């Protein structure tokens, strides 16, 4: 059954989203992955793709200086990805978590220093 489930995942679409994500095109990556996510039955793979989508949206919020939205979504996305027991689709989760943890700390620090603000003081 698991093999059949993976057959319904278009890995080219996943890779396209990864490329967009790595280029900083987070909204476009989210859209690409969301198209894929909608067509998958409930499974660990679907949760994994949802985690990627949520983190991409979080980083889109970060680019728009919406730090409250960033913090909330990063936590949700990280939780979804941490539920998995094994790597999925050749994505280096360890590096992914390291980057997100750095961003989470940066956002949390800003929110503590500037409650209510959306943009950091430069």
N, C-alpha and C. Protein backbone atom coordinates (compact mmCIF):
# COMPACT_ATOMS: atom_id res chain seq x y z
N UNK A 1 0.82 -1.20 0.00
CA UNK A 1 0.00 0.00 0.00
C UNK A 1 0.87 1.26 0.00
N UNK A 2 1.95 1.27 0.78
CA UNK A 2 2.81 2.45 0.85
C UNK A 2 3.42 2.75 -0.51
N UNK A 3 3.81 1.70 -1.25
CA UNK A 3 4.40 1.91 -2.57
C UNK A 3 3.38 2.55 -3.51
N UNK A 4 2.15 2.08 -3.45
CA UNK A 4 1.10 2.65 -4.30
C UNK A 4 0.86 4.11 -3.96
N UNK A 5 0.92 4.45 -2.69
CA UNK A 5 0.73 5.84 -2.27
C UNK A 5 1.80 6.74 -2.86
N UNK A 6 3.05 6.29 -2.80
CA UNK A 6 4.15 7.10 -3.34
C UNK A 6 4.03 7.29 -4.84
N UNK A 7 3.38 6.36 -5.53
CA UNK A 7 3.21 6.50 -6.97
C UNK A 7 2.35 7.71 -7.32
N UNK A 8 1.51 8.14 -6.38
CA UNK A 8 0.63 9.29 -6.62
C UNK A 8 1.31 10.62 -6.34
N UNK A 9 2.54 10.59 -5.90
CA UNK A 9 3.28 11.81 -5.63
C UNK A 9 4.16 12.12 -6.83
N UNK A 10 3.98 13.29 -7.39
CA UNK A 10 4.79 13.73 -8.54
C UNK A 10 6.08 14.32 -7.99
N UNK A 11 7.14 13.53 -8.01
CA UNK A 11 8.42 13.99 -7.44
C UNK A 11 8.98 15.17 -8.21
N UNK A 12 8.66 15.29 -9.49
CA UNK A 12 9.10 16.47 -10.25
C UNK A 12 8.47 17.73 -9.68
N UNK A 13 7.22 17.63 -9.28
CA UNK A 13 6.53 18.76 -8.67
C UNK A 13 7.16 19.11 -7.32
N UNK A 14 7.50 18.09 -6.55
CA UNK A 14 8.16 18.32 -5.26
C UNK A 14 9.50 19.00 -5.49
N UNK A 15 10.27 18.51 -6.45
CA UNK A 15 11.58 19.10 -6.75
C UNK A 15 11.45 20.52 -7.26
N UNK A 16 10.42 20.79 -8.05
CA UNK A 16 10.18 22.16 -8.52
C UNK A 16 9.94 23.09 -7.33
N UNK A 17 9.15 22.62 -6.36
CA UNK A 17 8.92 23.41 -5.14
C UNK A 17 10.19 23.63 -4.35
N UNK A 18 11.04 22.60 -4.27
CA UNK A 18 12.31 22.73 -3.56
C UNK A 18 13.18 23.79 -4.23
N UNK A 19 13.24 23.76 -5.56
CA UNK A 19 14.03 24.75 -6.30
C UNK A 19 13.51 26.16 -6.02
N UNK A 20 12.20 26.34 -6.10
CA UNK A 20 11.61 27.65 -5.81
C UNK A 20 11.90 28.09 -4.38
N UNK A 21 11.77 27.17 -3.44
CA UNK A 21 12.04 27.45 -2.03
C UNK A 21 13.48 27.90 -1.84
N UNK A 22 14.42 27.14 -2.41
CA UNK A 22 15.85 27.46 -2.26
C UNK A 22 16.22 28.79 -2.92
N UNK A 23 15.44 29.21 -3.90
CA UNK A 23 15.66 30.51 -4.56
C UNK A 23 15.01 31.66 -3.78
N UNK A 24 14.30 31.33 -2.71
CA UNK A 24 13.63 32.36 -1.92
C UNK A 24 12.24 32.70 -2.42
N UNK A 25 11.72 31.91 -3.35
CA UNK A 25 10.38 32.12 -3.89
C UNK A 25 9.39 31.26 -3.08
N UNK A 26 9.20 31.67 -1.83
CA UNK A 26 8.45 30.85 -0.89
C UNK A 26 6.98 30.72 -1.24
N UNK A 27 6.36 31.81 -1.68
CA UNK A 27 4.94 31.74 -2.02
C UNK A 27 4.73 30.79 -3.19
N UNK A 28 5.59 30.88 -4.20
CA UNK A 28 5.47 30.01 -5.37
C UNK A 28 5.73 28.55 -5.00
N UNK A 29 6.68 28.31 -4.09
CA UNK A 29 6.94 26.95 -3.62
C UNK A 29 5.70 26.40 -2.92
N UNK A 30 5.11 27.23 -2.08
CA UNK A 30 3.88 26.84 -1.37
C UNK A 30 2.79 26.46 -2.35
N UNK A 31 2.60 27.26 -3.39
CA UNK A 31 1.57 26.98 -4.39
C UNK A 31 1.84 25.66 -5.11
N UNK A 32 3.09 25.43 -5.47
CA UNK A 32 3.48 24.21 -6.17
C UNK A 32 3.21 22.98 -5.31
N UNK A 33 3.64 23.03 -4.06
CA UNK A 33 3.43 21.89 -3.16
C UNK A 33 1.96 21.70 -2.81
N UNK A 34 1.23 22.81 -2.69
CA UNK A 34 -0.18 22.70 -2.33
C UNK A 34 -0.97 21.97 -3.41
N UNK A 35 -0.64 22.22 -4.67
CA UNK A 35 -1.30 21.49 -5.77
C UNK A 35 -1.09 19.99 -5.60
N UNK A 36 0.11 19.59 -5.23
CA UNK A 36 0.44 18.18 -5.02
C UNK A 36 -0.28 17.64 -3.78
N UNK A 37 -0.25 18.40 -2.71
CA UNK A 37 -0.80 17.98 -1.42
C UNK A 37 -2.28 17.65 -1.51
N UNK A 38 -3.02 18.43 -2.27
CA UNK A 38 -4.47 18.23 -2.38
C UNK A 38 -4.83 16.85 -2.94
N UNK A 39 -3.98 16.30 -3.80
CA UNK A 39 -4.30 15.03 -4.45
C UNK A 39 -3.83 13.79 -3.72
N UNK A 40 -3.29 13.93 -2.53
CA UNK A 40 -2.72 12.79 -1.81
C UNK A 40 -3.66 12.38 -0.67
N UNK A 41 -3.83 11.07 -0.52
CA UNK A 41 -4.61 10.55 0.61
C UNK A 41 -3.87 10.81 1.91
N UNK A 42 -4.61 10.80 3.02
CA UNK A 42 -4.02 11.01 4.34
C UNK A 42 -2.90 9.99 4.56
N UNK A 43 -1.72 10.50 4.89
CA UNK A 43 -0.54 9.64 5.04
C UNK A 43 0.60 10.46 5.64
N UNK A 44 1.69 9.79 6.05
CA UNK A 44 2.87 10.53 6.51
C UNK A 44 3.43 11.44 5.41
N UNK A 45 3.35 10.99 4.16
CA UNK A 45 3.86 11.81 3.05
C UNK A 45 3.04 13.08 2.91
N UNK A 46 1.73 12.97 3.07
CA UNK A 46 0.87 14.16 2.99
C UNK A 46 1.22 15.14 4.11
N UNK A 47 1.42 14.62 5.33
CA UNK A 47 1.80 15.48 6.45
C UNK A 47 3.15 16.14 6.20
N UNK A 48 4.07 15.41 5.60
CA UNK A 48 5.39 15.95 5.29
C UNK A 48 5.26 17.12 4.32
N UNK A 49 4.49 16.92 3.26
CA UNK A 49 4.30 17.99 2.27
C UNK A 49 3.59 19.17 2.92
N UNK A 50 2.63 18.90 3.80
CA UNK A 50 1.96 20.00 4.50
C UNK A 50 2.95 20.78 5.36
N UNK A 51 3.88 20.09 6.00
CA UNK A 51 4.91 20.77 6.78
C UNK A 51 5.75 21.69 5.92
N UNK A 52 6.13 21.22 4.73
CA UNK A 52 6.89 22.06 3.80
C UNK A 52 6.08 23.29 3.40
N UNK A 53 4.80 23.08 3.12
CA UNK A 53 3.92 24.18 2.71
C UNK A 53 3.85 25.23 3.82
N UNK A 54 3.62 24.79 5.03
CA UNK A 54 3.47 25.72 6.16
C UNK A 54 4.76 26.51 6.39
N UNK A 55 5.90 25.85 6.29
CA UNK A 55 7.17 26.56 6.48
C UNK A 55 7.41 27.54 5.34
N UNK A 56 7.04 27.18 4.12
CA UNK A 56 7.18 28.11 2.99
C UNK A 56 6.32 29.35 3.23
N UNK A 57 5.10 29.16 3.71
CA UNK A 57 4.23 30.30 4.01
C UNK A 57 4.82 31.14 5.14
N UNK A 58 5.40 30.48 6.15
CA UNK A 58 6.05 31.20 7.25
C UNK A 58 7.15 32.10 6.72
N UNK A 59 7.96 31.58 5.82
CA UNK A 59 9.07 32.37 5.28
C UNK A 59 8.56 33.48 4.35
N UNK A 60 7.44 33.25 3.70
CA UNK A 60 6.80 34.31 2.91
C UNK A 60 6.38 35.45 3.86
N UNK A 61 5.81 35.09 5.00
CA UNK A 61 5.45 36.10 6.01
C UNK A 61 6.70 36.83 6.50
N UNK A 62 7.78 36.09 6.70
CA UNK A 62 9.03 36.70 7.17
C UNK A 62 9.52 37.74 6.17
N UNK A 63 9.49 37.40 4.88
CA UNK A 63 9.91 38.36 3.85
C UNK A 63 9.05 39.62 3.87
N UNK A 64 7.79 39.46 4.27
CA UNK A 64 6.87 40.60 4.32
C UNK A 64 6.89 41.28 5.69
N UNK A 65 7.81 40.84 6.56
CA UNK A 65 8.02 41.41 7.89
C UNK A 65 6.82 41.23 8.82
N UNK A 66 6.10 40.13 8.62
CA UNK A 66 5.02 39.75 9.52
C UNK A 66 5.58 38.69 10.45
N UNK A 67 6.23 39.13 11.52
CA UNK A 67 6.96 38.22 12.40
C UNK A 67 6.04 37.39 13.29
N UNK A 68 4.89 37.93 13.63
CA UNK A 68 3.94 37.15 14.43
C UNK A 68 3.46 35.94 13.62
N UNK A 69 3.07 36.17 12.37
CA UNK A 69 2.65 35.07 11.51
C UNK A 69 3.77 34.08 11.25
N UNK A 70 4.99 34.61 11.10
CA UNK A 70 6.16 33.75 10.87
C UNK A 70 6.34 32.79 12.04
N UNK A 71 6.34 33.33 13.24
CA UNK A 71 6.58 32.53 14.44
C UNK A 71 5.54 31.43 14.59
N UNK A 72 4.29 31.78 14.43
CA UNK A 72 3.20 30.82 14.59
C UNK A 72 3.31 29.69 13.56
N UNK A 73 3.52 30.05 12.31
CA UNK A 73 3.57 29.05 11.24
C UNK A 73 4.82 28.19 11.29
N UNK A 74 5.96 28.79 11.67
CA UNK A 74 7.18 27.98 11.79
C UNK A 74 6.99 26.88 12.82
N UNK A 75 6.41 27.23 13.94
CA UNK A 75 6.16 26.23 14.98
C UNK A 75 5.29 25.10 14.47
N UNK A 76 4.24 25.45 13.75
CA UNK A 76 3.32 24.44 13.21
C UNK A 76 4.03 23.56 12.18
N UNK A 77 4.78 24.19 11.27
CA UNK A 77 5.48 23.44 10.23
C UNK A 77 6.54 22.51 10.78
N UNK A 78 7.29 23.01 11.75
CA UNK A 78 8.34 22.19 12.37
C UNK A 78 7.71 20.99 13.07
N UNK A 79 6.59 21.21 13.74
CA UNK A 79 5.91 20.11 14.44
C UNK A 79 5.48 19.04 13.44
N UNK A 80 4.93 19.45 12.31
CA UNK A 80 4.52 18.48 11.29
C UNK A 80 5.71 17.66 10.79
N UNK A 81 6.82 18.31 10.55
CA UNK A 81 7.99 17.59 10.03
C UNK A 81 8.63 16.70 11.10
N UNK A 82 8.58 17.13 12.35
CA UNK A 82 9.19 16.34 13.42
C UNK A 82 8.42 15.06 13.71
N UNK A 83 7.18 14.98 13.28
CA UNK A 83 6.38 13.77 13.49
C UNK A 83 6.91 12.59 12.68
N UNK A 84 7.69 12.87 11.66
CA UNK A 84 8.18 11.81 10.79
C UNK A 84 9.37 11.11 11.42
N UNK A 85 9.43 9.83 11.21
CA UNK A 85 10.51 9.03 11.80
C UNK A 85 11.66 8.80 10.83
N UNK A 86 11.46 9.10 9.56
CA UNK A 86 12.50 8.84 8.56
C UNK A 86 12.52 9.97 7.54
N UNK A 87 13.65 10.18 6.86
CA UNK A 87 13.72 11.23 5.83
C UNK A 87 12.74 10.95 4.70
N UNK A 88 12.24 12.00 4.09
CA UNK A 88 11.30 11.86 2.99
C UNK A 88 11.81 12.60 1.76
N UNK A 89 11.66 11.99 0.62
CA UNK A 89 11.87 12.61 -0.68
C UNK A 89 13.22 13.31 -0.81
N UNK A 90 14.26 12.72 -0.28
CA UNK A 90 15.63 13.22 -0.42
C UNK A 90 15.82 14.65 0.09
N UNK A 91 15.09 15.05 1.09
CA UNK A 91 15.25 16.38 1.68
C UNK A 91 16.03 16.22 2.97
N UNK A 92 17.09 17.01 3.12
CA UNK A 92 17.93 16.95 4.31
C UNK A 92 17.24 17.71 5.44
N UNK A 93 16.46 16.96 6.22
CA UNK A 93 15.67 17.56 7.29
C UNK A 93 16.55 18.20 8.35
N UNK A 94 17.71 17.61 8.63
CA UNK A 94 18.60 18.17 9.65
C UNK A 94 18.99 19.61 9.31
N UNK A 95 19.40 19.85 8.07
CA UNK A 95 19.75 21.20 7.63
C UNK A 95 18.52 22.10 7.67
N UNK A 96 17.39 21.57 7.25
CA UNK A 96 16.14 22.31 7.24
C UNK A 96 15.81 22.79 8.65
N UNK A 97 15.90 21.89 9.64
CA UNK A 97 15.60 22.27 11.02
C UNK A 97 16.61 23.27 11.56
N UNK A 98 17.88 23.12 11.22
CA UNK A 98 18.89 24.08 11.69
C UNK A 98 18.55 25.48 11.22
N UNK A 99 18.21 25.61 9.95
CA UNK A 99 17.86 26.94 9.40
C UNK A 99 16.60 27.48 10.06
N UNK A 100 15.58 26.63 10.22
CA UNK A 100 14.34 27.09 10.81
C UNK A 100 14.50 27.44 12.28
N UNK A 101 15.34 26.70 13.00
CA UNK A 101 15.57 27.02 14.41
C UNK A 101 16.27 28.36 14.57
N UNK A 102 17.21 28.66 13.69
CA UNK A 102 17.88 29.97 13.72
C UNK A 102 16.85 31.07 13.46
N UNK A 103 16.02 30.88 12.45
CA UNK A 103 15.00 31.88 12.13
C UNK A 103 14.00 32.00 13.27
N UNK A 104 13.59 30.89 13.86
CA UNK A 104 12.64 30.93 14.99
C UNK A 104 13.21 31.75 16.14
N UNK A 105 14.48 31.54 16.46
CA UNK A 105 15.10 32.29 17.56
C UNK A 105 15.17 33.78 17.22
N UNK A 106 15.51 34.09 15.98
CA UNK A 106 15.60 35.49 15.55
C UNK A 106 14.23 36.17 15.66
N UNK A 107 13.20 35.50 15.19
CA UNK A 107 11.85 36.05 15.23
C UNK A 107 11.39 36.21 16.68
N UNK A 108 11.63 35.20 17.52
CA UNK A 108 11.22 35.27 18.92
C UNK A 108 11.93 36.40 19.65
N UNK A 109 13.21 36.58 19.37
CA UNK A 109 13.98 37.66 19.99
C UNK A 109 13.38 39.01 19.59
N UNK A 110 13.07 39.18 18.32
CA UNK A 110 12.49 40.43 17.85
C UNK A 110 11.14 40.68 18.53
N UNK A 111 10.31 39.65 18.59
CA UNK A 111 8.98 39.81 19.20
C UNK A 111 9.09 40.18 20.67
N UNK A 112 10.09 39.66 21.37
CA UNK A 112 10.30 39.98 22.78
C UNK A 112 10.74 41.43 22.94
N UNK A 113 11.64 41.87 22.06
CA UNK A 113 12.19 43.23 22.16
C UNK A 113 11.22 44.29 21.65
N UNK A 114 10.35 43.93 20.72
CA UNK A 114 9.44 44.89 20.09
C UNK A 114 8.02 44.34 20.05
N UNK A 115 7.38 44.15 21.19
CA UNK A 115 6.03 43.59 21.17
C UNK A 115 5.08 44.50 20.38
N UNK A 116 4.26 43.88 19.55
CA UNK A 116 3.30 44.64 18.76
C UNK A 116 3.83 45.15 17.45
N UNK A 117 5.14 45.19 17.27
CA UNK A 117 5.73 45.66 16.01
C UNK A 117 5.72 44.57 14.97
N UNK A 118 5.61 44.97 13.72
CA UNK A 118 5.69 44.03 12.61
C UNK A 118 7.05 44.08 11.95
N UNK A 119 7.76 45.19 12.07
CA UNK A 119 9.04 45.32 11.38
C UNK A 119 10.15 45.60 12.37
N UNK A 120 11.32 45.02 12.15
CA UNK A 120 12.43 45.28 13.07
C UNK A 120 12.99 46.67 12.88
N UNK A 121 13.51 47.22 13.97
CA UNK A 121 14.20 48.52 13.87
C UNK A 121 15.60 48.27 13.34
N UNK A 122 15.93 48.86 12.23
CA UNK A 122 17.26 48.67 11.62
C UNK A 122 18.23 49.69 12.15
